[in-house]
Amino acid sequence: MATARDIAIILLALESIIIGITLIVLVVQVIRLVKLLREEVIPIVRSTQETVGTVRGTATFMSDHLVQPVVKVSSYTAGARQAINTLFGGRNSRK
């Protein structure tokens, strides 16, 4: 009986050592992950944010200097066409 108890104590001690080593490895891996996040992922996110800002600026510029003038000209043209059709009795293109 004493031998079984001694073997159980030894097995529990070995298990505790293995769990301790595993916890140390886990802590080291978490430290590596945090380091990776700081050195790799955060700069990528910052670069992506800069790119999104550039795209947003480009879209705003295109809207202000290309799309809006084209839409205005198209709307004036459509309005003028409708006014001419109404004033001069042109045929209605809608049926």
PDB file of N, CA and C in Angstrom:
ATOM      1  N   MET A   1       0.812  -1.184   0.000  1.00  0.00           N
ATOM      2  CA  MET A   1       0.000   0.000   0.000  1.00  0.00           C
ATOM      3  C   MET A   1       0.865   1.262   0.000  1.00  0.00           C
ATOM      4  N   ALA A   2       1.923   1.231   0.741  1.00  0.00           N
ATOM      5  CA  ALA A   2       2.824   2.375   0.811  1.00  0.00           C
ATOM      6  C   ALA A   2       3.504   2.597  -0.535  1.00  0.00           C
ATOM      7  N   THR A   3       3.775   1.511  -1.236  1.00  0.00           N
ATOM      8  CA  THR A   3       4.411   1.632  -2.547  1.00  0.00           C
ATOM      9  C   THR A   3       3.465   2.310  -3.531  1.00  0.00           C
ATOM     10  N   ALA A   4       2.204   1.943  -3.497  1.00  0.00           N
ATOM     11  CA  ALA A   4       1.214   2.559  -4.389  1.00  0.00           C
ATOM     12  C   ALA A   4       1.084   4.045  -4.070  1.00  0.00           C
ATOM     13  N   ARG A   5       1.108   4.367  -2.773  1.00  0.00           N
ATOM     14  CA  ARG A   5       1.023   5.768  -2.372  1.00  0.00           C
ATOM     15  C   ARG A   5       2.239   6.541  -2.867  1.00  0.00           C
ATOM     16  N   ASP A   6       3.415   5.955  -2.731  1.00  0.00           N
ATOM     17  CA  ASP A   6       4.640   6.619  -3.181  1.00  0.00           C
ATOM     18  C   ASP A   6       4.622   6.825  -4.697  1.00  0.00           C
ATOM     19  N   ILE A   7       4.154   5.828  -5.419  1.00  0.00           N
ATOM     20  CA  ILE A   7       4.062   5.946  -6.883  1.00  0.00           C
ATOM     21  C   ILE A   7       3.056   7.035  -7.255  1.00  0.00           C
ATOM     22  N   ALA A   8       1.933   7.096  -6.550  1.00  0.00           N
ATOM     23  CA  ALA A   8       0.922   8.128  -6.819  1.00  0.00           C
ATOM     24  C   ALA A   8       1.494   9.515  -6.548  1.00  0.00           C
ATOM     25  N   ILE A   9       2.255   9.648  -5.473  1.00  0.00           N
ATOM     26  CA  ILE A   9       2.864  10.946  -5.151  1.00  0.00           C
ATOM     27  C   ILE A   9       3.862  11.339  -6.234  1.00  0.00           C
ATOM     28  N   ILE A  10       4.642  10.394  -6.690  1.00  0.00           N
ATOM     29  CA  ILE A  10       5.620  10.671  -7.749  1.00  0.00           C
ATOM     30  C   ILE A  10       4.902  11.064  -9.043  1.00  0.00           C
ATOM     31  N   LEU A  11       3.833  10.346  -9.383  1.00  0.00           N
ATOM     32  CA  LEU A  11       3.071  10.670 -10.593  1.00  0.00           C
ATOM     33  C   LEU A  11       2.438  12.057 -10.488  1.00  0.00           C
ATOM     34  N   LEU A  12       1.906  12.391  -9.330  1.00  0.00           N
ATOM     35  CA  LEU A  12       1.324  13.723  -9.140  1.00  0.00           C
ATOM     36  C   LEU A  12       2.394  14.809  -9.227  1.00  0.00           C
ATOM     37  N   ALA A  13       3.573  14.528  -8.701  1.00  0.00           N
ATOM     38  CA  ALA A  13       4.669  15.496  -8.786  1.00  0.00           C
ATOM     39  C   ALA A  13       5.088  15.688 -10.243  1.00  0.00           C
ATOM     40  N   LEU A  14       5.201  14.589 -10.985  1.00  0.00           N
ATOM     41  CA  LEU A  14       5.550  14.692 -12.407  1.00  0.00           C
ATOM     42  C   LEU A  14       4.469  15.453 -13.180  1.00  0.00           C
ATOM     43  N   GLU A  15       3.226  15.161 -12.857  1.00  0.00           N
ATOM     44  CA  GLU A  15       2.119  15.862 -13.514  1.00  0.00           C
ATOM     45  C   GLU A  15       2.172  17.357 -13.210  1.00  0.00           C
ATOM     46  N   SER A  16       2.473  17.710 -11.981  1.00  0.00           N
ATOM     47  CA  SER A  16       2.586  19.124 -11.607  1.00  0.00           C
ATOM     48  C   SER A  16       3.726  19.795 -12.365  1.00  0.00           C
ATOM     49  N   ILE A  17       4.839  19.092 -12.505  1.00  0.00           N
ATOM     50  CA  ILE A  17       5.976  19.639 -13.252  1.00  0.00           C
ATOM     51  C   ILE A  17       5.592  19.844 -14.716  1.00  0.00           C
ATOM     52  N   ILE A  18       4.912  18.860 -15.296  1.00  0.00           N
ATOM     53  CA  ILE A  18       4.496  18.963 -16.702  1.00  0.00           C
ATOM     54  C   ILE A  18       3.511  20.129 -16.878  1.00  0.00           C
ATOM     55  N   ILE A  19       2.576  20.269 -15.961  1.00  0.00           N
ATOM     56  CA  ILE A  19       1.617  21.374 -16.040  1.00  0.00           C
ATOM     57  C   ILE A  19       2.343  22.707 -15.890  1.00  0.00           C
ATOM     58  N   GLY A  20       3.306  22.784 -14.992  1.00  0.00           N
ATOM     59  CA  GLY A  20       4.083  24.016 -14.818  1.00  0.00           C
ATOM     60  C   GLY A  20       4.847  24.381 -16.078  1.00  0.00           C
ATOM     61  N   ILE A  21       5.486  23.391 -16.689  1.00  0.00           N
ATOM     62  CA  ILE A  21       6.222  23.639 -17.937  1.00  0.00           C
ATOM     63  C   ILE A  21       5.258  24.081 -19.038  1.00  0.00           C
ATOM     64  N   THR A  22       4.109  23.437 -19.098  1.00  0.00           N
ATOM     65  CA  THR A  22       3.109  23.804 -20.104  1.00  0.00           C
ATOM     66  C   THR A  22       2.635  25.242 -19.894  1.00  0.00           C
ATOM     67  N   LEU A  23       2.426  25.641 -18.660  1.00  0.00           N
ATOM     68  CA  LEU A  23       2.016  27.020 -18.376  1.00  0.00           C
ATOM     69  C   LEU A  23       3.105  28.013 -18.773  1.00  0.00           C
ATOM     70  N   ILE A  24       4.345  27.661 -18.526  1.00  0.00           N
ATOM     71  CA  ILE A  24       5.451  28.543 -18.919  1.00  0.00           C
ATOM     72  C   ILE A  24       5.483  28.695 -20.436  1.00  0.00           C
ATOM     73  N   VAL A  25       5.319  27.583 -21.153  1.00  0.00           N
ATOM     74  CA  VAL A  25       5.290  27.635 -22.619  1.00  0.00           C
ATOM     75  C   VAL A  25       4.112  28.492 -23.089  1.00  0.00           C
ATOM     76  N   LEU A  26       2.977  28.344 -22.440  1.00  0.00           N
ATOM     77  CA  LEU A  26       1.798  29.132 -22.800  1.00  0.00           C
ATOM     78  C   LEU A  26       2.048  30.622 -22.593  1.00  0.00           C
ATOM     79  N   VAL A  27       2.662  30.986 -21.488  1.00  0.00           N
ATOM     80  CA  VAL A  27       2.962  32.396 -21.221  1.00  0.00           C
ATOM     81  C   VAL A  27       3.936  32.936 -22.266  1.00  0.00           C
ATOM     82  N   VAL A  28       4.937  32.148 -22.621  1.00  0.00           N
ATOM     83  CA  VAL A  28       5.895  32.576 -23.645  1.00  0.00           C
ATOM     84  C   VAL A  28       5.183  32.783 -24.981  1.00  0.00           C
ATOM     85  N   GLN A  29       4.274  31.896 -25.326  1.00  0.00           N
ATOM     86  CA  GLN A  29       3.537  32.030 -26.582  1.00  0.00           C
ATOM     87  C   GLN A  29       2.644  33.270 -26.573  1.00  0.00           C
ATOM     88  N   VAL A  30       2.029  33.568 -25.447  1.00  0.00           N
ATOM     89  CA  VAL A  30       1.201  34.775 -25.347  1.00  0.00           C
ATOM     90  C   VAL A  30       2.072  36.018 -25.502  1.00  0.00           C
ATOM     91  N   ILE A  31       3.252  36.004 -24.901  1.00  0.00           N
ATOM     92  CA  ILE A  31       4.176  37.137 -25.047  1.00  0.00           C
ATOM     93  C   ILE A  31       4.576  37.300 -26.510  1.00  0.00           C
ATOM     94  N   ARG A  32       4.852  36.204 -27.188  1.00  0.00           N
ATOM     95  CA  ARG A  32       5.189  36.273 -28.615  1.00  0.00           C
ATOM     96  C   ARG A  32       4.025  36.813 -29.439  1.00  0.00           C
ATOM     97  N   LEU A  33       2.818  36.401 -29.086  1.00  0.00           N
ATOM     98  CA  LEU A  33       1.639  36.886 -29.809  1.00  0.00           C
ATOM     99  C   LEU A  33       1.473  38.390 -29.629  1.00  0.00           C
ATOM    100  N   VAL A  34       1.644  38.865 -28.420  1.00  0.00           N
ATOM    101  CA  VAL A  34       1.533  40.303 -28.165  1.00  0.00           C
ATOM    102  C   VAL A  34       2.604  41.056 -28.944  1.00  0.00           C
ATOM    103  N   LYS A  35       3.803  40.524 -28.964  1.00  0.00           N
ATOM    104  CA  LYS A  35       4.890  41.148 -29.718  1.00  0.00           C
ATOM    105  C   LYS A  35       4.567  41.170 -31.214  1.00  0.00           C
ATOM    106  N   LEU A  36       4.028  40.075 -31.718  1.00  0.00           N
ATOM    107  CA  LEU A  36       3.636  40.012 -33.124  1.00  0.00           C
ATOM    108  C   LEU A  36       2.566  41.052 -33.432  1.00  0.00           C
ATOM    109  N   LEU A  37       1.600  41.181 -32.544  1.00  0.00           N
ATOM    110  CA  LEU A  37       0.545  42.170 -32.757  1.00  0.00           C
ATOM    111  C   LEU A  37       1.116  43.577 -32.790  1.00  0.00           C
ATOM    112  N   ARG A  38       2.035  43.865 -31.902  1.00  0.00           N
ATOM    113  CA  ARG A  38       2.624  45.203 -31.866  1.00  0.00           C
ATOM    114  C   ARG A  38       3.465  45.486 -33.103  1.00  0.00           C
ATOM    115  N   GLU A  39       4.238  44.517 -33.533  1.00  0.00           N
ATOM    116  CA  GLU A  39       5.203  44.750 -34.599  1.00  0.00           C
ATOM    117  C   GLU A  39       4.654  44.520 -36.000  1.00  0.00           C
ATOM    118  N   GLU A  40       3.670  43.676 -36.144  1.00  0.00           N
ATOM    119  CA  GLU A  40       3.206  43.306 -37.480  1.00  0.00           C
ATOM    120  C   GLU A  40       1.795  43.801 -37.780  1.00  0.00           C
ATOM    121  N   VAL A  41       0.872  43.477 -36.932  1.00  0.00           N
ATOM    122  CA  VAL A  41      -0.533  43.718 -37.243  1.00  0.00           C
ATOM    123  C   VAL A  41      -0.890  45.193 -37.118  1.00  0.00           C
ATOM    124  N   ILE A  42      -0.452  45.849 -36.083  1.00  0.00           N
ATOM    125  CA  ILE A  42      -0.813  47.255 -35.877  1.00  0.00           C
ATOM    126  C   ILE A  42      -0.312  48.135 -37.024  1.00  0.00           C
ATOM    127  N   PRO A  43       0.928  47.981 -37.508  1.00  0.00           N
ATOM    128  CA  PRO A  43       1.326  48.779 -38.679  1.00  0.00           C
ATOM    129  C   PRO A  43       0.483  48.480 -39.924  1.00  0.00           C
ATOM    130  N   ILE A  44       0.074  47.241 -40.086  1.00  0.00           N
ATOM    131  CA  ILE A  44      -0.779  46.902 -41.232  1.00  0.00           C
ATOM    132  C   ILE A  44      -2.124  47.603 -41.101  1.00  0.00           C
ATOM    133  N   VAL A  45      -2.674  47.621 -39.905  1.00  0.00           N
ATOM    134  CA  VAL A  45      -3.952  48.304 -39.685  1.00  0.00           C
ATOM    135  C   VAL A  45      -3.801  49.800 -39.937  1.00  0.00           C
ATOM    136  N   ARG A  46      -2.717  50.386 -39.486  1.00  0.00           N
ATOM    137  CA  ARG A  46      -2.485  51.820 -39.725  1.00  0.00           C
ATOM    138  C   ARG A  46      -2.366  52.109 -41.217  1.00  0.00           C
ATOM    139  N   SER A  47      -1.636  51.260 -41.917  1.00  0.00           N
ATOM    140  CA  SER A  47      -1.491  51.435 -43.363  1.00  0.00           C
ATOM    141  C   SER A  47      -2.841  51.317 -44.057  1.00  0.00           C
ATOM    142  N   THR A  48      -3.643  50.379 -43.606  1.00  0.00           N
ATOM    143  CA  THR A  48      -4.978  50.205 -44.184  1.00  0.00           C
ATOM    144  C   THR A  48      -5.837  51.433 -43.917  1.00  0.00           C
ATOM    145  N   GLN A  49      -5.741  51.999 -42.728  1.00  0.00           N
ATOM    146  CA  GLN A  49      -6.505  53.207 -42.416  1.00  0.00           C
ATOM    147  C   GLN A  49      -6.065  54.373 -43.299  1.00  0.00           C
ATOM    148  N   GLU A  50      -4.765  54.491 -43.548  1.00  0.00           N
ATOM    149  CA  GLU A  50      -4.274  55.544 -44.436  1.00  0.00           C
ATOM    150  C   GLU A  50      -4.811  55.348 -45.852  1.00  0.00           C
ATOM    151  N   THR A  51      -4.824  54.103 -46.303  1.00  0.00           N
ATOM    152  CA  THR A  51      -5.333  53.803 -47.641  1.00  0.00           C
ATOM    153  C   THR A  51      -6.814  54.139 -47.743  1.00  0.00           C
ATOM    154  N   VAL A  52      -7.568  53.798 -46.715  1.00  0.00           N
ATOM    155  CA  VAL A  52      -8.997  54.117 -46.708  1.00  0.00           C
ATOM    156  C   VAL A  52      -9.195  55.629 -46.744  1.00  0.00           C
ATOM    157  N   GLY A  53      -8.379  56.361 -46.009  1.00  0.00           N
ATOM    158  CA  GLY A  53      -8.468  57.825 -46.045  1.00  0.00           C
ATOM    159  C   GLY A  53      -8.175  58.373 -47.428  1.00  0.00           C
ATOM    160  N   THR A  54      -7.180  57.805 -48.092  1.00  0.00           N
ATOM    161  CA  THR A  54      -6.842  58.238 -49.451  1.00  0.00           C
ATOM    162  C   THR A  54      -7.988  57.945 -50.410  1.00  0.00           C
ATOM    163  N   VAL A  55      -8.553  56.765 -50.298  1.00  0.00           N
ATOM    164  CA  VAL A  55      -9.677  56.394 -51.169  1.00  0.00           C
ATOM    165  C   VAL A  55     -10.870  57.311 -50.905  1.00  0.00           C
ATOM    166  N   ARG A  56     -11.120  57.609 -49.643  1.00  0.00           N
ATOM    167  CA  ARG A  56     -12.224  58.506 -49.301  1.00  0.00           C
ATOM    168  C   ARG A  56     -11.998  59.885 -49.917  1.00  0.00           C
ATOM    169  N   GLY A  57     -10.771  60.386 -49.821  1.00  0.00           N
ATOM    170  CA  GLY A  57     -10.454  61.683 -50.416  1.00  0.00           C
ATOM    171  C   GLY A  57     -10.599  61.669 -51.926  1.00  0.00           C
ATOM    172  N   THR A  58     -10.151  60.591 -52.551  1.00  0.00           N
ATOM    173  CA  THR A  58     -10.274  60.471 -54.005  1.00  0.00           C
ATOM    174  C   THR A  58     -11.736  60.421 -54.422  1.00  0.00           C
ATOM    175  N   ALA A  59     -12.535  59.672 -53.685  1.00  0.00           N
ATOM    176  CA  ALA A  59     -13.959  59.580 -54.010  1.00  0.00           C
ATOM    177  C   ALA A  59     -14.643  60.934 -53.849  1.00  0.00           C
ATOM    178  N   THR A  60     -14.287  61.663 -52.806  1.00  0.00           N
ATOM    179  CA  THR A  60     -14.859  62.994 -52.607  1.00  0.00           C
ATOM    180  C   THR A  60     -14.443  63.932 -53.734  1.00  0.00           C
ATOM    181  N   PHE A  61     -13.179  63.887 -54.108  1.00  0.00           N
ATOM    182  CA  PHE A  61     -12.689  64.735 -55.197  1.00  0.00           C
ATOM    183  C   PHE A  61     -13.418  64.413 -56.497  1.00  0.00           C
ATOM    184  N   MET A  62     -13.538  63.127 -56.801  1.00  0.00           N
ATOM    185  CA  MET A  62     -14.217  62.724 -58.040  1.00  0.00           C
ATOM    186  C   MET A  62     -15.681  63.161 -58.014  1.00  0.00           C
ATOM    187  N   SER A  63     -16.309  63.034 -56.871  1.00  0.00           N
ATOM    188  CA  SER A  63     -17.704  63.447 -56.758  1.00  0.00           C
ATOM    189  C   SER A  63     -17.847  64.946 -56.972  1.00  0.00           C
ATOM    190  N   ASP A  64     -16.967  65.713 -56.353  1.00  0.00           N
ATOM    191  CA  ASP A  64     -17.063  67.171 -56.445  1.00  0.00           C
ATOM    192  C   ASP A  64     -16.710  67.695 -57.832  1.00  0.00           C
ATOM    193  N   HIS A  65     -15.727  67.093 -58.485  1.00  0.00           N
ATOM    194  CA  HIS A  65     -15.206  67.665 -59.720  1.00  0.00           C
ATOM    195  C   HIS A  65     -15.626  66.936 -60.991  1.00  0.00           C
ATOM    196  N   LEU A  66     -16.247  65.792 -60.877  1.00  0.00           N
ATOM    197  CA  LEU A  66     -16.643  65.078 -62.086  1.00  0.00           C
ATOM    198  C   LEU A  66     -18.110  64.684 -62.049  1.00  0.00           C
ATOM    199  N   VAL A  67     -18.503  63.984 -61.035  1.00  0.00           N
ATOM    200  CA  VAL A  67     -19.851  63.423 -61.004  1.00  0.00           C
ATOM    201  C   VAL A  67     -20.903  64.521 -60.867  1.00  0.00           C
ATOM    202  N   GLN A  68     -20.730  65.421 -59.920  1.00  0.00           N
ATOM    203  CA  GLN A  68     -21.737  66.469 -59.721  1.00  0.00           C
ATOM    204  C   GLN A  68     -21.915  67.349 -60.956  1.00  0.00           C
ATOM    205  N   PRO A  69     -20.841  67.804 -61.611  1.00  0.00           N
ATOM    206  CA  PRO A  69     -21.058  68.596 -62.830  1.00  0.00           C
ATOM    207  C   PRO A  69     -21.764  67.813 -63.935  1.00  0.00           C
ATOM    208  N   VAL A  70     -21.420  66.557 -64.097  1.00  0.00           N
ATOM    209  CA  VAL A  70     -22.076  65.744 -65.129  1.00  0.00           C
ATOM    210  C   VAL A  70     -23.553  65.574 -64.805  1.00  0.00           C
ATOM    211  N   VAL A  71     -23.870  65.339 -63.546  1.00  0.00           N
ATOM    212  CA  VAL A  71     -25.270  65.187 -63.148  1.00  0.00           C
ATOM    213  C   VAL A  71     -26.027  66.497 -63.366  1.00  0.00           C
ATOM    214  N   LYS A  72     -25.402  67.617 -63.036  1.00  0.00           N
ATOM    215  CA  LYS A  72     -26.062  68.914 -63.245  1.00  0.00           C
ATOM    216  C   LYS A  72     -26.342  69.148 -64.727  1.00  0.00           C
ATOM    217  N   VAL A  73     -25.349  68.906 -65.570  1.00  0.00           N
ATOM    218  CA  VAL A  73     -25.536  69.103 -67.012  1.00  0.00           C
ATOM    219  C   VAL A  73     -26.624  68.165 -67.528  1.00  0.00           C
ATOM    220  N   SER A  74     -26.606  66.936 -67.088  1.00  0.00           N
ATOM    221  CA  SER A  74     -27.627  65.981 -67.530  1.00  0.00           C
ATOM    222  C   SER A  74     -29.016  66.406 -67.078  1.00  0.00           C
ATOM    223  N   SER A  75     -29.119  66.896 -65.851  1.00  0.00           N
ATOM    224  CA  SER A  75     -30.438  67.309 -65.368  1.00  0.00           C
ATOM    225  C   SER A  75     -30.919  68.558 -66.094  1.00  0.00           C
ATOM    226  N   TYR A  76     -30.014  69.508 -66.354  1.00  0.00           N
ATOM    227  CA  TYR A  76     -30.413  70.697 -67.112  1.00  0.00           C
ATOM    228  C   TYR A  76     -30.833  70.317 -68.528  1.00  0.00           C
ATOM    229  N   THR A  77     -30.107  69.397 -69.135  1.00  0.00           N
ATOM    230  CA  THR A  77     -30.442  68.956 -70.486  1.00  0.00           C
ATOM    231  C   THR A  77     -31.804  68.265 -70.505  1.00  0.00           C
ATOM    232  N   ALA A  78     -32.035  67.404 -69.539  1.00  0.00           N
ATOM    233  CA  ALA A  78     -33.328  66.716 -69.477  1.00  0.00           C
ATOM    234  C   ALA A  78     -34.453  67.717 -69.229  1.00  0.00           C
ATOM    235  N   GLY A  79     -34.213  68.687 -68.353  1.00  0.00           N
ATOM    236  CA  GLY A  79     -35.230  69.710 -68.089  1.00  0.00           C
ATOM    237  C   GLY A  79     -35.503  70.567 -69.308  1.00  0.00           C
ATOM    238  N   ALA A  80     -34.443  70.961 -70.007  1.00  0.00           N
ATOM    239  CA  ALA A  80     -34.614  71.772 -71.214  1.00  0.00           C
ATOM    240  C   ALA A  80     -35.360  70.981 -72.285  1.00  0.00           C
ATOM    241  N   ARG A  81     -35.020  69.719 -72.438  1.00  0.00           N
ATOM    242  CA  ARG A  81     -35.702  68.876 -73.426  1.00  0.00           C
ATOM    243  C   ARG A  81     -37.186  68.764 -73.095  1.00  0.00           C
ATOM    244  N   GLN A  82     -37.490  68.567 -71.828  1.00  0.00           N
ATOM    245  CA  GLN A  82     -38.889  68.448 -71.421  1.00  0.00           C
ATOM    246  C   GLN A  82     -39.621  69.777 -71.618  1.00  0.00           C
ATOM    247  N   ALA A  83     -38.938  70.883 -71.311  1.00  0.00           N
ATOM    248  CA  ALA A  83     -39.563  72.194 -71.504  1.00  0.00           C
ATOM    249  C   ALA A  83     -39.853  72.444 -72.981  1.00  0.00           C
ATOM    250  N   ILE A  84     -38.911  72.109 -73.841  1.00  0.00           N
ATOM    251  CA  ILE A  84     -39.118  72.286 -75.286  1.00  0.00           C
ATOM    252  C   ILE A  84     -40.259  71.408 -75.766  1.00  0.00           C
ATOM    253  N   ASN A  85     -40.292  70.172 -75.313  1.00  0.00           N
ATOM    254  CA  ASN A  85     -41.384  69.275 -75.707  1.00  0.00           C
ATOM    255  C   ASN A  85     -42.724  69.809 -75.227  1.00  0.00           C
ATOM    256  N   THR A  86     -42.748  70.359 -74.030  1.00  0.00           N
ATOM    257  CA  THR A  86     -44.001  70.882 -73.489  1.00  0.00           C
ATOM    258  C   THR A  86     -44.427  72.149 -74.225  1.00  0.00           C
ATOM    259  N   LEU A  87     -43.487  73.051 -74.480  1.00  0.00           N
ATOM    260  CA  LEU A  87     -43.815  74.324 -75.123  1.00  0.00           C
ATOM    261  C   LEU A  87     -44.197  74.160 -76.592  1.00  0.00           C
ATOM    262  N   PHE A  88     -43.498  73.329 -77.281  1.00  0.00           N
ATOM    263  CA  PHE A  88     -43.716  73.212 -78.715  1.00  0.00           C
ATOM    264  C   PHE A  88     -44.533  71.989 -79.099  1.00  0.00           C
ATOM    265  N   GLY A  89     -45.092  71.327 -78.140  1.00  0.00           N
ATOM    266  CA  GLY A  89     -45.997  70.218 -78.414  1.00  0.00           C
ATOM    267  C   GLY A  89     -45.328  69.026 -79.054  1.00  0.00           C
ATOM    268  N   GLY A  90     -44.095  68.806 -78.689  1.00  0.00           N
ATOM    269  CA  GLY A  90     -43.398  67.633 -79.214  1.00  0.00           C
ATOM    270  C   GLY A  90     -44.072  66.370 -78.726  1.00  0.00           C
ATOM    271  N   ARG A  91     -43.825  65.306 -79.429  1.00  0.00           N
ATOM    272  CA  ARG A  91     -44.486  64.077 -79.015  1.00  0.00           C
ATOM    273  C   ARG A  91     -43.873  63.571 -77.715  1.00  0.00           C
ATOM    274  N   ASN A  92     -44.683  62.946 -76.932  1.00  0.00           N
ATOM    275  CA  ASN A  92     -44.269  62.424 -75.628  1.00  0.00           C
ATOM    276  C   ASN A  92     -43.526  61.116 -75.846  1.00  0.00           C
ATOM    277  N   SER A  93     -42.322  61.029 -75.325  1.00  0.00           N
ATOM    278  CA  SER A  93     -41.534  59.813 -75.531  1.00  0.00           C
ATOM    279  C   SER A  93     -42.021  58.678 -74.642  1.00  0.00           C
ATOM    280  N   ARG A  94     -42.799  58.994 -73.629  1.00  0.00           N
ATOM    281  CA  ARG A  94     -43.360  57.956 -72.754  1.00  0.00           C
ATOM    282  C   ARG A  94     -44.725  57.554 -73.272  1.00  0.00           C
ATOM    283  N   LYS A  95     -44.984  56.297 -73.284  1.00  0.00           N
ATOM    284  CA  LYS A  95     -46.298  55.825 -73.752  1.00  0.00           C
ATOM    285  C   LYS A  95     -46.953  55.003 -72.697  1.00  0.00           C
TER     286      LYS A  95
END
